[in-house]
Each structure stands twice: as C-alpha cells, then as structure tokens.
N, C-alpha and C. Protein backbone atom coordinates (compact mmCIF):
# COMPACT_ATOMS: atom_id res chain seq x y z
N MET A 1 102.18 88.28 77.78
CA MET A 1 102.14 89.69 78.07
C MET A 1 102.79 90.48 76.87
N SER A 2 102.10 91.45 76.39
CA SER A 2 102.57 92.21 75.24
C SER A 2 103.69 93.19 75.66
N GLU A 3 104.42 93.69 74.68
CA GLU A 3 105.48 94.67 74.98
C GLU A 3 104.85 95.93 75.51
N PRO A 4 105.54 96.59 76.46
CA PRO A 4 105.00 97.89 76.94
C PRO A 4 104.93 98.91 75.83
N GLU A 5 103.94 99.76 75.90
CA GLU A 5 103.71 100.78 74.92
C GLU A 5 104.28 102.11 75.45
N PHE A 6 105.02 102.86 74.63
CA PHE A 6 105.54 104.14 75.07
C PHE A 6 104.43 105.13 75.29
N VAL A 7 104.51 105.83 76.43
CA VAL A 7 103.56 106.89 76.75
C VAL A 7 104.39 108.12 77.05
N ASP A 8 104.06 109.21 76.41
CA ASP A 8 104.77 110.48 76.66
C ASP A 8 104.41 110.96 78.05
N PRO A 9 105.38 111.01 78.97
CA PRO A 9 105.09 111.43 80.34
C PRO A 9 104.46 112.81 80.43
N ARG A 10 104.70 113.65 79.44
CA ARG A 10 104.13 115.01 79.45
C ARG A 10 102.62 114.96 79.27
N GLN A 11 102.13 113.84 78.71
CA GLN A 11 100.69 113.70 78.46
C GLN A 11 99.92 113.12 79.67
N LEU A 12 100.66 112.68 80.69
CA LEU A 12 100.01 112.08 81.85
C LEU A 12 99.48 113.16 82.76
N ARG A 13 98.30 112.94 83.33
CA ARG A 13 97.65 113.86 84.23
C ARG A 13 97.20 113.05 85.46
N PRO A 14 97.22 113.66 86.64
CA PRO A 14 96.77 112.92 87.81
C PRO A 14 95.28 112.63 87.72
N GLY A 15 94.89 111.48 88.26
CA GLY A 15 93.50 111.11 88.30
C GLY A 15 92.79 111.88 89.40
N PRO A 16 91.49 111.70 89.50
CA PRO A 16 90.73 112.39 90.54
C PRO A 16 91.01 111.83 91.90
N ILE A 17 90.82 112.61 92.92
CA ILE A 17 90.95 112.09 94.29
C ILE A 17 89.68 111.30 94.56
N ARG A 18 89.86 110.02 94.88
CA ARG A 18 88.73 109.09 95.04
C ARG A 18 88.41 108.92 96.52
N HIS A 19 89.31 109.26 97.42
CA HIS A 19 89.15 109.04 98.85
C HIS A 19 89.47 110.35 99.55
N GLY A 20 88.48 110.89 100.27
CA GLY A 20 88.70 112.16 101.01
C GLY A 20 89.71 112.02 102.12
N SER A 21 89.86 110.80 102.61
CA SER A 21 90.87 110.55 103.68
C SER A 21 91.23 109.06 103.60
N LEU A 22 92.27 108.72 104.32
CA LEU A 22 92.73 107.33 104.39
C LEU A 22 92.76 106.93 105.87
N PRO A 23 92.58 105.65 106.16
CA PRO A 23 92.59 105.24 107.54
C PRO A 23 93.97 105.53 108.21
N PRO A 24 93.98 105.81 109.50
CA PRO A 24 95.23 106.15 110.21
C PRO A 24 96.30 105.07 110.03
N LYS A 25 95.93 103.79 110.11
CA LYS A 25 96.91 102.72 109.95
C LYS A 25 97.58 102.77 108.57
N MET A 26 96.80 103.06 107.55
CA MET A 26 97.33 103.16 106.19
C MET A 26 98.28 104.38 106.10
N LEU A 27 97.88 105.47 106.72
CA LEU A 27 98.75 106.67 106.72
C LEU A 27 100.09 106.39 107.41
N GLU A 28 100.03 105.57 108.48
CA GLU A 28 101.29 105.20 109.16
C GLU A 28 102.16 104.38 108.23
N GLN A 29 101.57 103.47 107.49
CA GLN A 29 102.35 102.64 106.56
C GLN A 29 102.96 103.53 105.46
N ILE A 30 102.15 104.45 104.94
CA ILE A 30 102.63 105.36 103.90
C ILE A 30 103.79 106.17 104.41
N LYS A 31 103.69 106.70 105.65
CA LYS A 31 104.77 107.49 106.23
C LYS A 31 106.03 106.61 106.45
N ALA A 32 105.85 105.38 106.86
CA ALA A 32 107.00 104.48 107.07
C ALA A 32 107.72 104.24 105.75
N VAL A 33 106.99 104.02 104.67
CA VAL A 33 107.58 103.84 103.37
C VAL A 33 108.35 105.13 102.98
N PHE A 34 107.71 106.26 103.18
CA PHE A 34 108.27 107.52 102.78
C PHE A 34 109.54 107.81 103.59
N ASP A 35 109.51 107.49 104.86
CA ASP A 35 110.65 107.73 105.71
C ASP A 35 111.91 106.95 105.23
N VAL A 36 111.71 105.80 104.58
CA VAL A 36 112.80 105.01 104.08
C VAL A 36 113.27 105.45 102.68
N ILE A 37 112.33 105.56 101.73
CA ILE A 37 112.70 105.80 100.36
C ILE A 37 112.17 107.13 99.76
N GLY A 38 111.51 107.88 100.58
CA GLY A 38 110.86 109.15 100.08
C GLY A 38 111.78 110.12 99.42
N LYS A 39 113.02 110.24 99.98
CA LYS A 39 113.92 111.23 99.40
C LYS A 39 114.36 110.89 97.98
N TYR A 40 114.11 109.64 97.57
CA TYR A 40 114.46 109.24 96.20
C TYR A 40 113.29 109.35 95.22
N LEU A 41 112.15 109.77 95.69
CA LEU A 41 110.93 109.82 94.86
C LEU A 41 110.67 111.17 94.25
N GLY A 42 111.33 112.21 94.74
CA GLY A 42 111.15 113.54 94.15
C GLY A 42 109.81 114.19 94.49
N MET A 43 109.28 113.86 95.68
CA MET A 43 107.99 114.49 96.08
C MET A 43 107.96 114.57 97.61
N THR A 44 107.02 115.32 98.10
CA THR A 44 106.84 115.45 99.55
C THR A 44 105.97 114.33 100.08
N LEU A 45 105.94 114.15 101.37
CA LEU A 45 105.09 113.15 101.97
C LEU A 45 103.63 113.45 101.64
N GLU A 46 103.24 114.69 101.65
CA GLU A 46 101.86 115.06 101.33
C GLU A 46 101.51 114.65 99.89
N GLN A 47 102.40 114.90 98.95
CA GLN A 47 102.16 114.51 97.56
C GLN A 47 102.06 112.98 97.45
N PHE A 48 102.90 112.29 98.16
CA PHE A 48 102.87 110.81 98.17
C PHE A 48 101.56 110.30 98.70
N GLU A 49 101.10 110.90 99.79
CA GLU A 49 99.79 110.50 100.39
C GLU A 49 98.65 110.78 99.41
N VAL A 50 98.65 111.95 98.77
CA VAL A 50 97.57 112.28 97.87
C VAL A 50 97.48 111.28 96.70
N ASP A 51 98.66 110.81 96.26
CA ASP A 51 98.65 109.80 95.16
C ASP A 51 97.87 108.56 95.60
N PHE A 52 97.97 108.18 96.85
CA PHE A 52 97.17 107.01 97.31
C PHE A 52 95.71 107.35 97.43
N MET A 53 95.39 108.60 97.70
CA MET A 53 93.99 109.04 97.74
C MET A 53 93.36 109.00 96.35
N ARG A 54 94.17 109.07 95.32
CA ARG A 54 93.68 109.02 93.93
C ARG A 54 93.46 107.57 93.49
N ASP A 55 94.10 106.66 94.17
CA ASP A 55 94.05 105.27 93.73
C ASP A 55 92.69 104.64 94.07
N MET A 56 92.22 103.81 93.13
CA MET A 56 90.94 103.16 93.33
C MET A 56 90.99 102.16 94.52
N HIS A 57 92.16 101.50 94.64
CA HIS A 57 92.32 100.48 95.69
C HIS A 57 93.61 100.83 96.47
N PRO A 58 93.58 101.81 97.31
CA PRO A 58 94.80 102.24 97.99
C PRO A 58 95.46 101.15 98.88
N GLU A 59 94.63 100.20 99.37
CA GLU A 59 95.22 99.15 100.21
C GLU A 59 96.23 98.33 99.43
N SER A 60 95.92 97.98 98.23
CA SER A 60 96.86 97.16 97.45
C SER A 60 98.03 97.99 96.99
N GLU A 61 97.82 99.26 96.72
CA GLU A 61 98.95 100.13 96.36
C GLU A 61 99.93 100.37 97.50
N VAL A 62 99.37 100.53 98.71
CA VAL A 62 100.22 100.65 99.90
C VAL A 62 101.02 99.35 100.12
N ALA A 63 100.35 98.20 99.96
CA ALA A 63 101.05 96.93 100.11
C ALA A 63 102.17 96.79 99.10
N LEU A 64 101.96 97.24 97.89
CA LEU A 64 102.96 97.19 96.86
C LEU A 64 104.19 98.05 97.26
N TRP A 65 103.94 99.29 97.74
CA TRP A 65 105.02 100.13 98.15
C TRP A 65 105.73 99.59 99.38
N CYS A 66 105.03 98.89 100.26
CA CYS A 66 105.68 98.24 101.41
C CYS A 66 106.63 97.16 100.89
N SER A 67 106.21 96.43 99.87
CA SER A 67 107.06 95.38 99.27
C SER A 67 108.30 96.01 98.60
N ILE A 68 108.12 97.11 97.91
CA ILE A 68 109.25 97.82 97.28
C ILE A 68 110.25 98.22 98.35
N THR A 69 109.74 98.80 99.45
CA THR A 69 110.56 99.28 100.51
C THR A 69 111.30 98.13 101.22
N ALA A 70 110.58 97.04 101.46
CA ALA A 70 111.17 95.86 102.10
C ALA A 70 112.31 95.32 101.25
N ALA A 71 112.10 95.25 99.94
CA ALA A 71 113.12 94.78 99.00
C ALA A 71 114.34 95.73 99.00
N TRP A 72 114.09 97.01 99.07
CA TRP A 72 115.15 98.01 99.08
C TRP A 72 115.96 97.83 100.38
N LEU A 73 115.28 97.66 101.49
CA LEU A 73 115.99 97.44 102.75
C LEU A 73 116.77 96.12 102.71
N GLY A 74 116.14 95.08 102.18
CA GLY A 74 116.83 93.77 102.07
C GLY A 74 118.08 93.86 101.18
N TYR A 75 117.97 94.58 100.08
CA TYR A 75 119.13 94.71 99.17
C TYR A 75 120.27 95.42 99.93
N HIS A 76 119.95 96.49 100.63
CA HIS A 76 121.00 97.23 101.33
C HIS A 76 121.60 96.40 102.45
N GLU A 77 120.79 95.63 103.12
CA GLU A 77 121.31 94.80 104.20
C GLU A 77 122.18 93.66 103.65
N LYS A 78 121.67 93.00 102.60
CA LYS A 78 122.35 91.82 102.11
C LYS A 78 123.58 92.13 101.23
N PHE A 79 123.48 93.21 100.45
CA PHE A 79 124.57 93.44 99.47
C PHE A 79 125.38 94.71 99.70
N LEU A 80 124.94 95.58 100.58
CA LEU A 80 125.65 96.86 100.80
C LEU A 80 126.00 97.09 102.29
N SER A 81 125.89 96.04 103.09
CA SER A 81 126.20 96.12 104.52
C SER A 81 125.44 97.29 105.19
N GLY A 82 124.24 97.54 104.72
CA GLY A 82 123.40 98.60 105.31
C GLY A 82 123.74 99.98 104.89
N LYS A 83 124.72 100.17 104.00
CA LYS A 83 125.13 101.52 103.57
C LYS A 83 124.29 101.97 102.38
N GLU A 84 124.09 103.27 102.29
CA GLU A 84 123.37 103.83 101.13
C GLU A 84 124.38 104.33 100.11
N LEU A 85 123.93 104.36 98.87
CA LEU A 85 124.72 104.82 97.75
C LEU A 85 124.43 106.32 97.52
N PRO A 86 125.15 106.95 96.64
CA PRO A 86 124.81 108.35 96.29
C PRO A 86 123.36 108.41 95.80
N ASP A 87 122.71 109.53 96.03
CA ASP A 87 121.26 109.69 95.75
C ASP A 87 120.88 109.26 94.32
N GLU A 88 121.68 109.62 93.32
CA GLU A 88 121.32 109.25 91.95
C GLU A 88 121.32 107.73 91.76
N GLU A 89 122.21 107.05 92.41
CA GLU A 89 122.22 105.57 92.32
C GLU A 89 121.05 104.98 93.08
N GLU A 90 120.73 105.58 94.24
CA GLU A 90 119.58 105.10 95.00
C GLU A 90 118.26 105.30 94.22
N LYS A 91 118.15 106.42 93.52
CA LYS A 91 116.97 106.65 92.70
C LYS A 91 116.84 105.58 91.64
N LYS A 92 117.94 105.12 91.08
CA LYS A 92 117.92 104.07 90.06
C LYS A 92 117.48 102.73 90.70
N LEU A 93 117.95 102.47 91.93
CA LEU A 93 117.53 101.24 92.63
C LEU A 93 116.03 101.26 92.84
N VAL A 94 115.51 102.38 93.35
CA VAL A 94 114.10 102.48 93.61
C VAL A 94 113.32 102.34 92.28
N GLY A 95 113.78 102.97 91.21
CA GLY A 95 113.16 102.84 89.89
C GLY A 95 113.12 101.43 89.42
N ALA A 96 114.25 100.67 89.64
CA ALA A 96 114.29 99.30 89.25
C ALA A 96 113.28 98.44 90.04
N LEU A 97 113.18 98.75 91.35
CA LEU A 97 112.22 98.00 92.18
C LEU A 97 110.79 98.34 91.77
N ILE A 98 110.52 99.56 91.38
CA ILE A 98 109.18 99.87 90.89
C ILE A 98 108.91 99.09 89.58
N ALA A 99 109.88 99.01 88.70
CA ALA A 99 109.72 98.19 87.49
C ALA A 99 109.45 96.73 87.84
N ILE A 100 110.20 96.18 88.78
CA ILE A 100 110.00 94.84 89.23
C ILE A 100 108.60 94.63 89.74
N SER A 101 108.11 95.62 90.51
CA SER A 101 106.77 95.52 91.11
C SER A 101 105.65 95.50 90.06
N THR A 102 105.97 95.97 88.86
CA THR A 102 104.97 95.94 87.79
C THR A 102 105.01 94.63 86.98
N GLY A 103 105.92 93.77 87.35
CA GLY A 103 106.04 92.49 86.68
C GLY A 103 107.14 92.37 85.66
N ILE A 104 107.90 93.42 85.42
CA ILE A 104 109.01 93.33 84.50
C ILE A 104 110.11 92.49 85.13
N GLU A 105 110.59 91.53 84.38
CA GLU A 105 111.62 90.64 84.89
C GLU A 105 112.90 90.70 84.08
N ASP A 106 112.90 91.39 82.97
CA ASP A 106 114.08 91.51 82.15
C ASP A 106 115.04 92.51 82.80
N VAL A 107 116.09 91.98 83.43
CA VAL A 107 117.00 92.83 84.19
C VAL A 107 117.70 93.87 83.36
N SER A 108 117.76 93.67 82.07
CA SER A 108 118.41 94.66 81.22
C SER A 108 117.57 95.92 81.05
N LYS A 109 116.29 95.89 81.53
CA LYS A 109 115.42 97.03 81.40
C LYS A 109 115.24 97.83 82.67
N PHE A 110 116.01 97.51 83.68
CA PHE A 110 115.90 98.12 84.99
C PHE A 110 116.61 99.46 85.15
N GLY A 111 117.55 99.76 84.27
CA GLY A 111 118.27 101.00 84.37
C GLY A 111 119.41 100.93 85.38
N VAL A 112 119.78 99.74 85.79
CA VAL A 112 120.91 99.49 86.68
C VAL A 112 121.74 98.39 86.07
N PRO A 113 123.02 98.21 86.51
CA PRO A 113 123.80 97.08 85.99
C PRO A 113 123.05 95.76 86.16
N VAL A 114 123.24 94.83 85.21
CA VAL A 114 122.48 93.59 85.23
C VAL A 114 122.67 92.84 86.53
N ASP A 115 123.89 92.81 87.06
CA ASP A 115 124.10 92.06 88.34
C ASP A 115 123.29 92.70 89.48
N VAL A 116 123.20 94.01 89.47
CA VAL A 116 122.41 94.71 90.49
C VAL A 116 120.95 94.41 90.29
N GLY A 117 120.51 94.39 89.04
CA GLY A 117 119.13 94.06 88.73
C GLY A 117 118.76 92.66 89.21
N ARG A 118 119.64 91.69 89.04
CA ARG A 118 119.41 90.32 89.47
C ARG A 118 119.27 90.30 91.01
N ARG A 119 120.12 91.06 91.67
CA ARG A 119 120.08 91.06 93.13
C ARG A 119 118.79 91.72 93.63
N LEU A 120 118.37 92.81 92.99
CA LEU A 120 117.13 93.46 93.36
C LEU A 120 115.95 92.52 93.13
N LEU A 121 115.93 91.83 92.03
CA LEU A 121 114.86 90.88 91.72
C LEU A 121 114.87 89.74 92.78
N GLU A 122 116.06 89.31 93.15
CA GLU A 122 116.17 88.28 94.20
C GLU A 122 115.57 88.79 95.52
N CYS A 123 115.86 90.04 95.86
CA CYS A 123 115.32 90.61 97.12
C CYS A 123 113.82 90.77 97.05
N TYR A 124 113.33 91.20 95.92
CA TYR A 124 111.89 91.41 95.77
C TYR A 124 111.15 90.05 95.76
N ASP A 125 111.66 89.12 94.98
CA ASP A 125 111.06 87.80 94.90
C ASP A 125 111.16 87.05 96.26
N GLY A 126 112.23 87.33 96.99
CA GLY A 126 112.41 86.67 98.30
C GLY A 126 111.36 87.06 99.31
N LEU A 127 110.68 88.16 99.10
CA LEU A 127 109.62 88.61 100.04
C LEU A 127 108.48 87.62 100.07
N SER A 128 108.16 87.03 98.94
CA SER A 128 107.03 86.11 98.86
C SER A 128 107.36 84.78 99.48
N LYS A 129 108.62 84.50 99.77
CA LYS A 129 109.06 83.23 100.30
C LYS A 129 109.28 83.31 101.82
N GLU A 130 109.08 84.54 102.38
CA GLU A 130 109.32 84.67 103.80
C GLU A 130 108.05 84.39 104.61
C-alpha cells in the first residue's frame, strides 16, 4: 500500500445523491450509530443520513460505521468503565477509529496517545473475532 497523498480539505466537494431514499432498516442503523457517536461528528442526523445517500454502496458504509461505533463502545466499556471523556478527546477517539477503519495501522498516525491507539486498534480488530 502506498503512502497516503495529502488532499486539501477545502478542495473536497460532496458527491451527488445516488439514492433518493434508504431502506427503513438502514435508517434505523444510521440513527443508532448517530445516537452513540453523532455528537462527535460535527453534523446533524440529517446530514449524516444524506452522506449515506451519496454513497455508491450505502450498505457497506453503514456496516463500517456500525463497526466504528461497536469499537468505540467496546473501548469505553473495557478501558474507561463506560465513562465518556471530554468532547475534544472523544472526537479524537472517533477520528482514530475512522482512520483504523480505512486500514491505517500505524498507531502514531491516529492523533491519540500511542497506548490509546493500540487499545482502539485492539477493540476494532476484536470485532472480527467475535
């Protein structure tokens, strides 16, 4: 795998809406994810839903976000006794889990302390073993 290429975030534009609606079951899953980690994403539920409507394969994207959320819950249960951290720290945890979901495994690139990154990776990787 080659090194990631820098992209100026100001140059990114949303893609077209590919799906006029999503199945009710999928919308339930999206809402469940948003109910857990939505406040750390900087968007509304409606914006989050529309992003899935833009995706070519929303089923796989929803599954990915369910994995991110399950790992976030697992981390909090296993390492924080179910307690949440201040919002800025939680945003970093979610960001690290998003990075992990893209295949990045170098814990020094997660934007969290290395030991936290290892634990997040353990929680994310543990999902495939359950």
